[in-house]
All heavy atoms as atom14 arrays in JSON, in Angstrom:
{
  "sequence": "HLKAFFISLLVFLALISAGGYFGYQYVQSSLLPVDANSKEYVTVQIPE",
  "atom14_mask": [
    [1, 1, 1, 1, 1, 1, 1, 1, 1, 1, 0, 0, 0, 0],
    [1, 1, 1, 1, 1, 1, 1, 1, 0, 0, 0, 0, 0, 0],
    [1, 1, 1, 1, 1, 1, 1, 1, 1, 0, 0, 0, 0, 0],
    [1, 1, 1, 1, 1, 0, 0, 0, 0, 0, 0, 0, 0, 0],
    [1, 1, 1, 1, 1, 1, 1, 1, 1, 1, 1, 0, 0, 0],
    [1, 1, 1, 1, 1, 1, 1, 1, 1, 1, 1, 0, 0, 0],
    [1, 1, 1, 1, 1, 1, 1, 1, 0, 0, 0, 0, 0, 0],
    [1, 1, 1, 1, 1, 1, 0, 0, 0, 0, 0, 0, 0, 0],
    [1, 1, 1, 1, 1, 1, 1, 1, 0, 0, 0, 0, 0, 0],
    [1, 1, 1, 1, 1, 1, 1, 1, 0, 0, 0, 0, 0, 0],
    [1, 1, 1, 1, 1, 1, 1, 0, 0, 0, 0, 0, 0, 0],
    [1, 1, 1, 1, 1, 1, 1, 1, 1, 1, 1, 0, 0, 0],
    [1, 1, 1, 1, 1, 1, 1, 1, 0, 0, 0, 0, 0, 0],
    [1, 1, 1, 1, 1, 0, 0, 0, 0, 0, 0, 0, 0, 0],
    [1, 1, 1, 1, 1, 1, 1, 1, 0, 0, 0, 0, 0, 0],
    [1, 1, 1, 1, 1, 1, 1, 1, 0, 0, 0, 0, 0, 0],
    [1, 1, 1, 1, 1, 1, 0, 0, 0, 0, 0, 0, 0, 0],
    [1, 1, 1, 1, 1, 0, 0, 0, 0, 0, 0, 0, 0, 0],
    [1, 1, 1, 1, 0, 0, 0, 0, 0, 0, 0, 0, 0, 0],
    [1, 1, 1, 1, 0, 0, 0, 0, 0, 0, 0, 0, 0, 0],
    [1, 1, 1, 1, 1, 1, 1, 1, 1, 1, 1, 1, 0, 0],
    [1, 1, 1, 1, 1, 1, 1, 1, 1, 1, 1, 0, 0, 0],
    [1, 1, 1, 1, 0, 0, 0, 0, 0, 0, 0, 0, 0, 0],
    [1, 1, 1, 1, 1, 1, 1, 1, 1, 1, 1, 1, 0, 0],
    [1, 1, 1, 1, 1, 1, 1, 1, 1, 0, 0, 0, 0, 0],
    [1, 1, 1, 1, 1, 1, 1, 1, 1, 1, 1, 1, 0, 0],
    [1, 1, 1, 1, 1, 1, 1, 0, 0, 0, 0, 0, 0, 0],
    [1, 1, 1, 1, 1, 1, 1, 1, 1, 0, 0, 0, 0, 0],
    [1, 1, 1, 1, 1, 1, 0, 0, 0, 0, 0, 0, 0, 0],
    [1, 1, 1, 1, 1, 1, 0, 0, 0, 0, 0, 0, 0, 0],
    [1, 1, 1, 1, 1, 1, 1, 1, 0, 0, 0, 0, 0, 0],
    [1, 1, 1, 1, 1, 1, 1, 1, 0, 0, 0, 0, 0, 0],
    [1, 1, 1, 1, 1, 1, 1, 0, 0, 0, 0, 0, 0, 0],
    [1, 1, 1, 1, 1, 1, 1, 0, 0, 0, 0, 0, 0, 0],
    [1, 1, 1, 1, 1, 1, 1, 1, 0, 0, 0, 0, 0, 0],
    [1, 1, 1, 1, 1, 0, 0, 0, 0, 0, 0, 0, 0, 0],
    [1, 1, 1, 1, 1, 1, 1, 1, 0, 0, 0, 0, 0, 0],
    [1, 1, 1, 1, 1, 1, 0, 0, 0, 0, 0, 0, 0, 0],
    [1, 1, 1, 1, 1, 1, 1, 1, 1, 0, 0, 0, 0, 0],
    [1, 1, 1, 1, 1, 1, 1, 1, 1, 0, 0, 0, 0, 0],
    [1, 1, 1, 1, 1, 1, 1, 1, 1, 1, 1, 1, 0, 0],
    [1, 1, 1, 1, 1, 1, 1, 0, 0, 0, 0, 0, 0, 0],
    [1, 1, 1, 1, 1, 1, 1, 0, 0, 0, 0, 0, 0, 0],
    [1, 1, 1, 1, 1, 1, 1, 0, 0, 0, 0, 0, 0, 0],
    [1, 1, 1, 1, 1, 1, 1, 1, 1, 0, 0, 0, 0, 0],
    [1, 1, 1, 1, 1, 1, 1, 1, 0, 0, 0, 0, 0, 0],
    [1, 1, 1, 1, 1, 1, 1, 0, 0, 0, 0, 0, 0, 0],
    [1, 1, 1, 1, 1, 1, 1, 1, 1, 0, 0, 0, 0, 0]
  ],
  "atom14_positions": [
    [[40.58, 45.03, -14.77], [40.21, 43.67, -14.24], [41.4, 42.84, -13.76], [41.37, 42.2, -12.82], [39.55, 42.89, -15.36], [38.1, 43.37, -15.64], [37.4, 43.09, -16.78], [37.36, 44.35, -14.95], [36.16, 43.78, -16.6], [36.16, 44.48, -15.54], [0.0, 0.0, 0.0], [0.0, 0.0, 0.0], [0.0, 0.0, 0.0], [0.0, 0.0, 0.0]],
    [[42.53, 42.89, -14.51], [43.73, 42.29, -14.23], [44.38, 42.74, -12.89], [44.77, 41.95, -12.04], [44.84, 42.47, -15.24], [46.06, 41.65, -15.21], [45.7, 40.09, -15.27], [46.96, 41.86, -16.34], [0.0, 0.0, 0.0], [0.0, 0.0, 0.0], [0.0, 0.0, 0.0], [0.0, 0.0, 0.0], [0.0, 0.0, 0.0], [0.0, 0.0, 0.0]],
    [[44.21, 43.99, -12.67], [44.79, 44.62, -11.5], [44.0, 44.2, -10.29], [44.42, 43.92, -9.31], [44.84, 46.18, -11.57], [45.4, 46.79, -10.34], [45.48, 48.35, -10.57], [46.01, 49.16, -9.4], [46.09, 50.5, -9.61], [0.0, 0.0, 0.0], [0.0, 0.0, 0.0], [0.0, 0.0, 0.0], [0.0, 0.0, 0.0], [0.0, 0.0, 0.0]],
    [[42.63, 44.24, -10.47], [41.75, 43.75, -9.52], [41.95, 42.41, -9.02], [41.89, 41.84, -7.9], [40.31, 44.05, -9.87], [0.0, 0.0, 0.0], [0.0, 0.0, 0.0], [0.0, 0.0, 0.0], [0.0, 0.0, 0.0], [0.0, 0.0, 0.0], [0.0, 0.0, 0.0], [0.0, 0.0, 0.0], [0.0, 0.0, 0.0], [0.0, 0.0, 0.0]],
    [[42.21, 41.49, -10.06], [42.38, 40.15, -9.77], [43.71, 39.87, -8.91], [43.72, 39.05, -7.97], [42.46, 39.3, -11.14], [43.04, 37.97, -10.99], [42.16, 37.01, -10.56], [44.3, 37.62, -11.2], [42.67, 35.6, -10.27], [44.71, 36.32, -11.05], [43.87, 35.26, -10.65], [0.0, 0.0, 0.0], [0.0, 0.0, 0.0], [0.0, 0.0, 0.0]],
    [[44.75, 40.58, -9.26], [46.03, 40.47, -8.6], [45.86, 40.87, -7.12], [46.47, 40.34, -6.14], [47.2, 41.09, -9.26], [47.79, 40.32, -10.27], [47.62, 40.69, -11.73], [48.42, 39.09, -10.14], [48.17, 39.86, -12.64], [48.96, 38.3, -11.12], [48.82, 38.77, -12.48], [0.0, 0.0, 0.0], [0.0, 0.0, 0.0], [0.0, 0.0, 0.0]],
    [[45.11, 41.98, -7.04], [44.91, 42.63, -5.63], [44.05, 41.64, -4.81], [44.5, 41.31, -3.61], [44.08, 43.96, -5.68], [45.1, 45.0, -6.31], [43.77, 44.37, -4.42], [44.47, 46.28, -6.52], [0.0, 0.0, 0.0], [0.0, 0.0, 0.0], [0.0, 0.0, 0.0], [0.0, 0.0, 0.0], [0.0, 0.0, 0.0], [0.0, 0.0, 0.0]],
    [[43.09, 40.96, -5.31], [42.17, 40.06, -4.65], [43.1, 38.7, -4.26], [43.05, 38.21, -3.07], [40.97, 39.55, -5.45], [40.2, 40.65, -5.79], [0.0, 0.0, 0.0], [0.0, 0.0, 0.0], [0.0, 0.0, 0.0], [0.0, 0.0, 0.0], [0.0, 0.0, 0.0], [0.0, 0.0, 0.0], [0.0, 0.0, 0.0], [0.0, 0.0, 0.0]],
    [[43.94, 38.4, -5.19], [44.78, 37.29, -4.89], [45.66, 37.5, -3.77], [46.09, 36.69, -2.79], [45.59, 36.82, -6.11], [46.59, 35.61, -6.04], [45.8, 34.33, -5.7], [47.36, 35.42, -7.26], [0.0, 0.0, 0.0], [0.0, 0.0, 0.0], [0.0, 0.0, 0.0], [0.0, 0.0, 0.0], [0.0, 0.0, 0.0], [0.0, 0.0, 0.0]],
    [[46.29, 38.76, -3.78], [47.28, 39.06, -2.72], [46.6, 39.11, -1.35], [47.01, 38.71, -0.34], [47.86, 40.31, -3.02], [49.0, 40.31, -4.18], [49.43, 41.72, -4.46], [50.15, 39.47, -3.79], [0.0, 0.0, 0.0], [0.0, 0.0, 0.0], [0.0, 0.0, 0.0], [0.0, 0.0, 0.0], [0.0, 0.0, 0.0], [0.0, 0.0, 0.0]],
    [[45.36, 39.61, -1.37], [44.64, 39.76, -0.08], [44.24, 38.45, 0.42], [44.29, 38.1, 1.63], [43.31, 40.57, -0.28], [42.44, 40.51, 0.95], [43.77, 42.19, -0.57], [0.0, 0.0, 0.0], [0.0, 0.0, 0.0], [0.0, 0.0, 0.0], [0.0, 0.0, 0.0], [0.0, 0.0, 0.0], [0.0, 0.0, 0.0], [0.0, 0.0, 0.0]],
    [[43.81, 37.45, -0.56], [43.55, 36.2, -0.17], [44.69, 35.41, 0.51], [44.55, 34.7, 1.5], [43.05, 35.37, -1.32], [42.54, 33.96, -1.11], [41.44, 33.5, -0.48], [43.48, 32.9, -1.57], [41.13, 32.28, -0.21], [43.19, 31.6, -1.36], [41.97, 31.25, -0.62], [0.0, 0.0, 0.0], [0.0, 0.0, 0.0], [0.0, 0.0, 0.0]],
    [[45.78, 35.45, -0.15], [46.94, 34.84, 0.29], [47.41, 35.41, 1.66], [47.91, 34.72, 2.55], [48.21, 35.03, -0.65], [47.98, 34.28, -2.07], [49.19, 34.55, -2.97], [48.08, 32.72, -1.72], [0.0, 0.0, 0.0], [0.0, 0.0, 0.0], [0.0, 0.0, 0.0], [0.0, 0.0, 0.0], [0.0, 0.0, 0.0], [0.0, 0.0, 0.0]],
    [[47.28, 36.76, 1.83], [47.55, 37.33, 3.15], [46.74, 36.85, 4.22], [47.09, 36.68, 5.37], [47.43, 38.96, 2.96], [0.0, 0.0, 0.0], [0.0, 0.0, 0.0], [0.0, 0.0, 0.0], [0.0, 0.0, 0.0], [0.0, 0.0, 0.0], [0.0, 0.0, 0.0], [0.0, 0.0, 0.0], [0.0, 0.0, 0.0], [0.0, 0.0, 0.0]],
    [[45.38, 36.79, 3.9], [44.4, 36.17, 4.94], [44.71, 34.78, 5.33], [44.65, 34.45, 6.49], [43.0, 36.33, 4.36], [42.25, 37.72, 4.22], [40.96, 37.71, 3.46], [42.24, 38.3, 5.6], [0.0, 0.0, 0.0], [0.0, 0.0, 0.0], [0.0, 0.0, 0.0], [0.0, 0.0, 0.0], [0.0, 0.0, 0.0], [0.0, 0.0, 0.0]],
    [[45.2, 34.01, 4.34], [45.52, 32.59, 4.7], [46.7, 32.62, 5.6], [46.87, 31.97, 6.54], [45.87, 31.79, 3.26], [44.51, 31.59, 2.55], [46.49, 30.52, 3.68], [44.73, 30.93, 1.27], [0.0, 0.0, 0.0], [0.0, 0.0, 0.0], [0.0, 0.0, 0.0], [0.0, 0.0, 0.0], [0.0, 0.0, 0.0], [0.0, 0.0, 0.0]],
    [[47.75, 33.44, 5.19], [48.8, 33.52, 6.02], [48.63, 34.09, 7.46], [48.96, 33.5, 8.36], [49.88, 34.49, 5.3], [51.14, 34.64, 6.12], [0.0, 0.0, 0.0], [0.0, 0.0, 0.0], [0.0, 0.0, 0.0], [0.0, 0.0, 0.0], [0.0, 0.0, 0.0], [0.0, 0.0, 0.0], [0.0, 0.0, 0.0], [0.0, 0.0, 0.0]],
    [[47.82, 35.08, 7.45], [47.47, 35.63, 8.74], [46.64, 34.7, 9.64], [46.78, 34.63, 10.76], [46.68, 37.04, 8.5], [0.0, 0.0, 0.0], [0.0, 0.0, 0.0], [0.0, 0.0, 0.0], [0.0, 0.0, 0.0], [0.0, 0.0, 0.0], [0.0, 0.0, 0.0], [0.0, 0.0, 0.0], [0.0, 0.0, 0.0], [0.0, 0.0, 0.0]],
    [[45.67, 34.02, 8.83], [44.89, 32.98, 9.64], [45.73, 31.88, 10.17], [45.51, 31.58, 11.32], [0.0, 0.0, 0.0], [0.0, 0.0, 0.0], [0.0, 0.0, 0.0], [0.0, 0.0, 0.0], [0.0, 0.0, 0.0], [0.0, 0.0, 0.0], [0.0, 0.0, 0.0], [0.0, 0.0, 0.0], [0.0, 0.0, 0.0], [0.0, 0.0, 0.0]],
    [[46.67, 31.4, 9.4], [47.64, 30.38, 9.99], [48.28, 30.83, 11.08], [48.46, 30.17, 12.11], [0.0, 0.0, 0.0], [0.0, 0.0, 0.0], [0.0, 0.0, 0.0], [0.0, 0.0, 0.0], [0.0, 0.0, 0.0], [0.0, 0.0, 0.0], [0.0, 0.0, 0.0], [0.0, 0.0, 0.0], [0.0, 0.0, 0.0], [0.0, 0.0, 0.0]],
    [[48.88, 32.0, 11.04], [49.71, 32.66, 12.16], [48.98, 32.86, 13.46], [49.11, 32.35, 14.57], [50.3, 33.94, 11.75], [51.0, 34.65, 12.89], [52.15, 34.18, 13.33], [50.42, 35.68, 13.54], [52.96, 34.92, 14.37], [51.04, 36.31, 14.6], [52.16, 35.91, 15.02], [52.85, 36.59, 16.08], [0.0, 0.0, 0.0], [0.0, 0.0, 0.0]],
    [[47.78, 33.57, 13.31], [46.88, 33.67, 14.38], [46.26, 32.49, 14.95], [46.06, 32.33, 16.16], [45.83, 34.66, 14.05], [46.23, 36.15, 13.94], [46.25, 36.74, 12.73], [46.82, 36.82, 15.0], [46.71, 38.03, 12.54], [47.41, 38.15, 14.84], [47.24, 38.83, 13.68], [0.0, 0.0, 0.0], [0.0, 0.0, 0.0], [0.0, 0.0, 0.0]],
    [[45.93, 31.51, 14.05], [45.44, 30.26, 14.47], [46.42, 29.42, 15.33], [46.17, 28.92, 16.38], [0.0, 0.0, 0.0], [0.0, 0.0, 0.0], [0.0, 0.0, 0.0], [0.0, 0.0, 0.0], [0.0, 0.0, 0.0], [0.0, 0.0, 0.0], [0.0, 0.0, 0.0], [0.0, 0.0, 0.0], [0.0, 0.0, 0.0], [0.0, 0.0, 0.0]],
    [[47.63, 29.59, 14.93], [48.72, 28.87, 15.59], [48.94, 29.56, 16.99], [49.11, 28.82, 18.0], [50.06, 28.92, 14.88], [51.35, 28.45, 15.55], [51.58, 27.11, 15.77], [52.1, 29.37, 16.29], [52.75, 26.53, 16.39], [53.27, 28.94, 16.92], [53.54, 27.59, 17.05], [54.68, 27.04, 17.67], [0.0, 0.0, 0.0], [0.0, 0.0, 0.0]],
    [[48.8, 30.84, 16.99], [49.06, 31.6, 18.18], [47.86, 31.21, 19.23], [48.08, 31.16, 20.34], [49.11, 33.04, 18.0], [50.37, 33.62, 17.36], [51.59, 33.25, 18.1], [51.66, 33.43, 19.47], [52.72, 32.78, 17.54], [0.0, 0.0, 0.0], [0.0, 0.0, 0.0], [0.0, 0.0, 0.0], [0.0, 0.0, 0.0], [0.0, 0.0, 0.0]],
    [[46.85, 31.2, 18.54], [45.45, 30.89, 19.35], [45.64, 29.45, 20.08], [45.3, 29.3, 21.33], [44.19, 30.84, 18.53], [42.95, 30.61, 19.24], [42.38, 31.62, 20.04], [42.37, 29.36, 19.14], [41.18, 31.38, 20.66], [41.21, 29.11, 19.72], [40.52, 30.09, 20.52], [39.37, 29.84, 21.19], [0.0, 0.0, 0.0], [0.0, 0.0, 0.0]],
    [[46.02, 28.41, 19.38], [46.27, 27.06, 19.84], [47.46, 27.14, 21.02], [47.19, 26.67, 22.03], [46.63, 26.17, 18.8], [47.0, 24.71, 19.39], [45.51, 25.93, 17.74], [0.0, 0.0, 0.0], [0.0, 0.0, 0.0], [0.0, 0.0, 0.0], [0.0, 0.0, 0.0], [0.0, 0.0, 0.0], [0.0, 0.0, 0.0], [0.0, 0.0, 0.0]],
    [[48.44, 27.8, 20.77], [49.54, 27.9, 21.69], [48.97, 28.58, 23.02], [49.35, 28.09, 24.06], [50.65, 28.61, 21.2], [51.45, 27.94, 20.0], [52.09, 26.63, 20.64], [51.66, 25.5, 20.39], [53.22, 26.74, 21.39], [0.0, 0.0, 0.0], [0.0, 0.0, 0.0], [0.0, 0.0, 0.0], [0.0, 0.0, 0.0], [0.0, 0.0, 0.0]],
    [[48.21, 29.57, 22.82], [47.74, 30.32, 24.01], [46.85, 29.34, 24.77], [46.67, 29.49, 25.97], [47.0, 31.55, 23.7], [46.41, 32.21, 24.72], [0.0, 0.0, 0.0], [0.0, 0.0, 0.0], [0.0, 0.0, 0.0], [0.0, 0.0, 0.0], [0.0, 0.0, 0.0], [0.0, 0.0, 0.0], [0.0, 0.0, 0.0], [0.0, 0.0, 0.0]],
    [[45.96, 28.54, 24.07], [45.04, 27.7, 24.79], [45.75, 26.56, 25.57], [45.05, 26.06, 26.45], [44.22, 27.09, 23.71], [43.5, 27.95, 22.95], [0.0, 0.0, 0.0], [0.0, 0.0, 0.0], [0.0, 0.0, 0.0], [0.0, 0.0, 0.0], [0.0, 0.0, 0.0], [0.0, 0.0, 0.0], [0.0, 0.0, 0.0], [0.0, 0.0, 0.0]],
    [[47.04, 26.36, 25.23], [47.76, 25.28, 26.02], [48.34, 25.85, 27.29], [48.88, 25.0, 28.05], [48.72, 24.62, 25.14], [48.28, 23.93, 23.8], [49.36, 23.53, 23.06], [47.31, 22.82, 24.23], [0.0, 0.0, 0.0], [0.0, 0.0, 0.0], [0.0, 0.0, 0.0], [0.0, 0.0, 0.0], [0.0, 0.0, 0.0], [0.0, 0.0, 0.0]],
    [[48.34, 27.18, 27.49], [49.03, 27.7, 28.57], [48.04, 27.79, 29.73], [46.88, 27.55, 29.54], [49.36, 29.33, 28.27], [50.47, 29.38, 27.16], [50.74, 30.91, 26.82], [51.68, 28.73, 27.6], [0.0, 0.0, 0.0], [0.0, 0.0, 0.0], [0.0, 0.0, 0.0], [0.0, 0.0, 0.0], [0.0, 0.0, 0.0], [0.0, 0.0, 0.0]],
    [[48.68, 28.0, 30.95], [47.69, 28.02, 32.21], [46.56, 29.02, 32.08], [46.78, 30.12, 31.43], [48.74, 28.38, 33.34], [50.02, 27.94, 32.84], [50.02, 28.19, 31.28], [0.0, 0.0, 0.0], [0.0, 0.0, 0.0], [0.0, 0.0, 0.0], [0.0, 0.0, 0.0], [0.0, 0.0, 0.0], [0.0, 0.0, 0.0], [0.0, 0.0, 0.0]],
    [[45.55, 28.58, 32.64], [44.3, 29.59, 32.81], [44.63, 30.89, 33.6], [44.3, 31.89, 33.22], [43.2, 28.94, 33.34], [42.02, 29.89, 33.59], [42.61, 27.77, 32.51], [0.0, 0.0, 0.0], [0.0, 0.0, 0.0], [0.0, 0.0, 0.0], [0.0, 0.0, 0.0], [0.0, 0.0, 0.0], [0.0, 0.0, 0.0], [0.0, 0.0, 0.0]],
    [[45.45, 30.6, 34.6], [45.84, 31.73, 35.47], [47.28, 31.29, 36.06], [47.25, 30.58, 37.05], [44.74, 32.03, 36.65], [45.14, 33.18, 37.48], [46.33, 33.71, 37.37], [44.35, 33.55, 38.34], [0.0, 0.0, 0.0], [0.0, 0.0, 0.0], [0.0, 0.0, 0.0], [0.0, 0.0, 0.0], [0.0, 0.0, 0.0], [0.0, 0.0, 0.0]],
    [[48.18, 31.85, 35.59], [49.69, 31.43, 36.03], [49.92, 31.66, 37.49], [50.8, 31.08, 38.06], [50.61, 32.09, 35.15], [0.0, 0.0, 0.0], [0.0, 0.0, 0.0], [0.0, 0.0, 0.0], [0.0, 0.0, 0.0], [0.0, 0.0, 0.0], [0.0, 0.0, 0.0], [0.0, 0.0, 0.0], [0.0, 0.0, 0.0], [0.0, 0.0, 0.0]],
    [[49.16, 32.58, 38.03], [49.5, 33.08, 39.44], [48.51, 32.44, 40.47], [48.59, 32.7, 41.65], [49.33, 34.62, 39.57], [50.31, 35.29, 38.73], [51.57, 34.87, 38.66], [49.95, 36.44, 38.0], [0.0, 0.0, 0.0], [0.0, 0.0, 0.0], [0.0, 0.0, 0.0], [0.0, 0.0, 0.0], [0.0, 0.0, 0.0], [0.0, 0.0, 0.0]],
    [[47.59, 31.68, 39.99], [46.6, 31.11, 40.87], [47.26, 29.94, 41.8], [47.98, 29.11, 41.33], [45.43, 30.42, 40.05], [44.51, 29.74, 40.96], [0.0, 0.0, 0.0], [0.0, 0.0, 0.0], [0.0, 0.0, 0.0], [0.0, 0.0, 0.0], [0.0, 0.0, 0.0], [0.0, 0.0, 0.0], [0.0, 0.0, 0.0], [0.0, 0.0, 0.0]],
    [[46.89, 29.83, 43.02], [47.32, 28.94, 44.0], [46.13, 27.92, 44.34], [46.33, 27.04, 45.12], [47.86, 29.54, 45.3], [49.13, 30.32, 45.05], [49.79, 30.86, 46.17], [50.96, 31.63, 45.99], [51.48, 32.23, 47.23], [0.0, 0.0, 0.0], [0.0, 0.0, 0.0], [0.0, 0.0, 0.0], [0.0, 0.0, 0.0], [0.0, 0.0, 0.0]],
    [[45.0, 28.28, 43.73], [43.83, 27.5, 44.1], [43.78, 26.09, 43.5], [44.17, 25.89, 42.4], [42.55, 28.23, 43.42], [41.27, 27.46, 43.61], [40.03, 28.19, 42.86], [40.26, 29.22, 42.17], [39.04, 27.62, 42.85], [0.0, 0.0, 0.0], [0.0, 0.0, 0.0], [0.0, 0.0, 0.0], [0.0, 0.0, 0.0], [0.0, 0.0, 0.0]],
    [[43.31, 25.15, 44.17], [43.19, 23.75, 43.82], [41.73, 23.43, 43.41], [40.86, 23.99, 44.09], [43.56, 22.8, 44.84], [45.01, 22.56, 44.97], [45.84, 23.47, 45.86], [45.72, 21.53, 44.3], [47.23, 23.18, 45.99], [47.12, 21.41, 44.23], [47.9, 22.16, 45.18], [49.21, 22.11, 45.23], [0.0, 0.0, 0.0], [0.0, 0.0, 0.0]],
    [[41.59, 22.77, 42.33], [40.3, 22.39, 41.9], [40.17, 20.88, 41.82], [40.96, 20.22, 41.2], [39.88, 22.93, 40.47], [38.55, 22.54, 40.04], [40.09, 24.47, 40.5], [0.0, 0.0, 0.0], [0.0, 0.0, 0.0], [0.0, 0.0, 0.0], [0.0, 0.0, 0.0], [0.0, 0.0, 0.0], [0.0, 0.0, 0.0], [0.0, 0.0, 0.0]],
    [[39.13, 20.18, 42.52], [39.07, 18.84, 42.51], [38.2, 18.43, 41.36], [37.02, 18.91, 41.07], [38.3, 18.31, 43.88], [39.07, 18.68, 44.97], [38.13, 16.79, 43.82], [0.0, 0.0, 0.0], [0.0, 0.0, 0.0], [0.0, 0.0, 0.0], [0.0, 0.0, 0.0], [0.0, 0.0, 0.0], [0.0, 0.0, 0.0], [0.0, 0.0, 0.0]],
    [[38.77, 17.58, 40.45], [38.15, 17.14, 39.24], [38.11, 15.65, 39.28], [39.13, 14.9, 39.59], [39.02, 17.59, 38.09], [38.44, 17.05, 36.73], [39.2, 19.14, 38.02], [0.0, 0.0, 0.0], [0.0, 0.0, 0.0], [0.0, 0.0, 0.0], [0.0, 0.0, 0.0], [0.0, 0.0, 0.0], [0.0, 0.0, 0.0], [0.0, 0.0, 0.0]],
    [[36.94, 15.17, 38.89], [36.73, 13.7, 38.78], [36.64, 13.29, 37.29], [35.85, 13.84, 36.46], [35.39, 13.24, 39.32], [35.27, 11.69, 39.27], [33.85, 11.29, 39.8], [32.86, 12.09, 39.86], [33.71, 9.98, 40.04], [0.0, 0.0, 0.0], [0.0, 0.0, 0.0], [0.0, 0.0, 0.0], [0.0, 0.0, 0.0], [0.0, 0.0, 0.0]],
    [[37.55, 12.36, 36.88], [37.5, 11.84, 35.55], [36.84, 10.42, 35.59], [37.47, 9.5, 36.21], [38.84, 11.72, 34.91], [39.62, 13.12, 34.87], [38.78, 11.11, 33.45], [38.83, 14.14, 34.17], [0.0, 0.0, 0.0], [0.0, 0.0, 0.0], [0.0, 0.0, 0.0], [0.0, 0.0, 0.0], [0.0, 0.0, 0.0], [0.0, 0.0, 0.0]],
    [[35.64, 10.29, 35.09], [34.9, 9.01, 35.23], [35.66, 7.77, 34.42], [36.33, 8.0, 33.4], [33.49, 9.18, 34.72], [33.37, 10.7, 34.67], [34.7, 11.19, 34.6], [0.0, 0.0, 0.0], [0.0, 0.0, 0.0], [0.0, 0.0, 0.0], [0.0, 0.0, 0.0], [0.0, 0.0, 0.0], [0.0, 0.0, 0.0], [0.0, 0.0, 0.0]],
    [[35.46, 6.59, 34.97], [35.95, 5.42, 34.28], [35.43, 5.41, 32.9], [34.29, 5.58, 32.67], [35.61, 4.1, 34.95], [36.46, 3.05, 34.68], [37.96, 3.12, 35.14], [38.04, 3.53, 36.29], [38.85, 2.6, 34.4], [0.0, 0.0, 0.0], [0.0, 0.0, 0.0], [0.0, 0.0, 0.0], [0.0, 0.0, 0.0], [0.0, 0.0, 0.0]]
  ]
}
């Protein structure tokens, strides 16, 4: 039981760590251009 507890704790901490890393990477990726090579213009209206 003690061994199982420590294994579960390590896995949980790893998931938290991995989640934070991948979450950060996901956000950073979302801030990058949709298509860095695109030359197309899109007309966008932002209402008052």
